[in-house]
């Protein structure tokens, strides 16, 4: 993800953490489930 966006891995981790906090999600799996359920990604 980071190389595709040309940003550091740490920046991606920070953004992911911020999104998870705002959505009240605890794990990366919760974030993936949220994305699938809301049509952000297709599984």
N, C-alpha and C. Protein backbone atom coordinates (compact mmCIF):
# COMPACT_ATOMS: atom_id res chain seq x y z
N UNK A 1 0.82 -1.18 0.00
CA UNK A 1 0.00 0.00 0.00
C UNK A 1 0.87 1.25 0.00
N UNK A 2 1.86 1.26 0.86
CA UNK A 2 2.70 2.44 0.99
C UNK A 2 3.45 2.75 -0.30
N UNK A 3 4.02 1.73 -0.91
CA UNK A 3 4.79 1.98 -2.14
C UNK A 3 3.89 2.44 -3.27
N UNK A 4 2.68 1.90 -3.32
CA UNK A 4 1.73 2.32 -4.35
C UNK A 4 1.32 3.77 -4.21
N UNK A 5 1.26 4.24 -2.98
CA UNK A 5 0.91 5.64 -2.72
C UNK A 5 2.13 6.55 -2.59
N UNK A 6 3.30 5.91 -2.60
CA UNK A 6 4.57 6.62 -2.44
C UNK A 6 4.64 7.38 -1.12
N UNK A 7 4.24 6.69 -0.06
CA UNK A 7 4.36 7.21 1.29
C UNK A 7 5.00 6.13 2.16
N UNK A 8 5.40 6.49 3.36
CA UNK A 8 6.07 5.51 4.21
C UNK A 8 5.07 4.55 4.84
N UNK A 9 5.59 3.39 5.23
CA UNK A 9 4.77 2.39 5.90
C UNK A 9 4.21 2.97 7.19
N UNK A 10 5.00 3.72 7.90
CA UNK A 10 4.56 4.34 9.16
C UNK A 10 3.37 5.27 8.93
N UNK A 11 3.36 6.01 7.83
CA UNK A 11 2.24 6.89 7.51
C UNK A 11 0.97 6.08 7.28
N UNK A 12 1.09 4.97 6.57
CA UNK A 12 -0.06 4.09 6.34
C UNK A 12 -0.58 3.56 7.67
N UNK A 13 0.32 3.13 8.54
CA UNK A 13 -0.08 2.61 9.84
C UNK A 13 -0.79 3.67 10.67
N UNK A 14 -0.30 4.89 10.62
CA UNK A 14 -0.92 5.99 11.36
C UNK A 14 -2.31 6.28 10.85
N UNK A 15 -2.48 6.33 9.55
CA UNK A 15 -3.80 6.58 8.97
C UNK A 15 -4.77 5.45 9.33
N UNK A 16 -4.29 4.22 9.23
CA UNK A 16 -5.13 3.07 9.57
C UNK A 16 -5.57 3.14 11.03
N UNK A 17 -4.65 3.46 11.92
CA UNK A 17 -4.97 3.58 13.34
C UNK A 17 -6.01 4.67 13.59
N UNK A 18 -5.84 5.81 12.94
CA UNK A 18 -6.78 6.91 13.10
C UNK A 18 -8.18 6.54 12.61
N UNK A 19 -8.26 5.87 11.47
CA UNK A 19 -9.55 5.44 10.92
C UNK A 19 -10.20 4.45 11.88
N UNK A 20 -9.43 3.49 12.37
CA UNK A 20 -9.97 2.49 13.27
C UNK A 20 -10.50 3.13 14.56
N UNK A 21 -9.80 4.12 15.08
CA UNK A 21 -10.27 4.81 16.28
C UNK A 21 -11.58 5.55 16.01
N UNK A 22 -11.67 6.23 14.89
CA UNK A 22 -12.88 6.99 14.55
C UNK A 22 -14.08 6.07 14.33
N UNK A 23 -13.84 4.85 13.84
CA UNK A 23 -14.92 3.90 13.60
C UNK A 23 -15.15 2.97 14.79
N UNK A 24 -14.39 3.17 15.85
CA UNK A 24 -14.48 2.32 17.06
C UNK A 24 -14.23 0.86 16.73
N UNK A 25 -13.21 0.59 15.93
CA UNK A 25 -12.84 -0.77 15.57
C UNK A 25 -11.57 -1.13 16.32
N UNK A 26 -11.46 -2.41 16.73
CA UNK A 26 -10.31 -2.83 17.54
C UNK A 26 -9.21 -3.52 16.75
N UNK A 27 -9.58 -4.29 15.73
CA UNK A 27 -8.57 -5.08 15.02
C UNK A 27 -8.61 -4.77 13.52
N UNK A 28 -7.54 -5.17 12.86
CA UNK A 28 -7.49 -5.02 11.41
C UNK A 28 -8.59 -5.85 10.75
N UNK A 29 -8.88 -7.01 11.34
CA UNK A 29 -9.96 -7.85 10.81
C UNK A 29 -11.30 -7.11 10.89
N UNK A 30 -11.53 -6.38 11.98
CA UNK A 30 -12.75 -5.56 12.09
C UNK A 30 -12.80 -4.53 10.98
N UNK A 31 -11.66 -3.93 10.69
CA UNK A 31 -11.58 -2.91 9.64
C UNK A 31 -11.88 -3.52 8.27
N UNK A 32 -11.35 -4.71 8.01
CA UNK A 32 -11.61 -5.39 6.73
C UNK A 32 -13.09 -5.73 6.62
N UNK A 33 -13.67 -6.27 7.69
CA UNK A 33 -15.11 -6.58 7.67
C UNK A 33 -15.93 -5.33 7.41
N UNK A 34 -15.58 -4.23 8.03
CA UNK A 34 -16.28 -2.96 7.82
C UNK A 34 -16.21 -2.56 6.34
N UNK A 35 -15.02 -2.66 5.77
CA UNK A 35 -14.82 -2.27 4.38
C UNK A 35 -15.63 -3.14 3.43
N UNK A 36 -15.68 -4.44 3.70
CA UNK A 36 -16.44 -5.35 2.84
C UNK A 36 -17.94 -5.06 2.96
N UNK A 37 -18.42 -4.92 4.17
CA UNK A 37 -19.85 -4.68 4.41
C UNK A 37 -20.34 -3.37 3.81
N UNK A 38 -19.43 -2.41 3.69
CA UNK A 38 -19.81 -1.09 3.19
C UNK A 38 -19.40 -0.86 1.74
N UNK A 39 -18.98 -1.93 1.05
CA UNK A 39 -18.66 -1.85 -0.36
C UNK A 39 -17.39 -1.09 -0.70
N UNK A 40 -16.53 -0.90 0.29
CA UNK A 40 -15.27 -0.20 0.06
C UNK A 40 -14.29 -1.12 -0.67
N UNK A 41 -14.33 -2.40 -0.29
CA UNK A 41 -13.57 -3.44 -1.00
C UNK A 41 -14.49 -4.61 -1.27
N UNK A 42 -14.16 -5.41 -2.25
CA UNK A 42 -14.96 -6.57 -2.60
C UNK A 42 -14.16 -7.81 -2.26
N UNK A 43 -14.75 -8.69 -1.48
CA UNK A 43 -14.04 -9.92 -1.09
C UNK A 43 -14.45 -11.07 -1.98
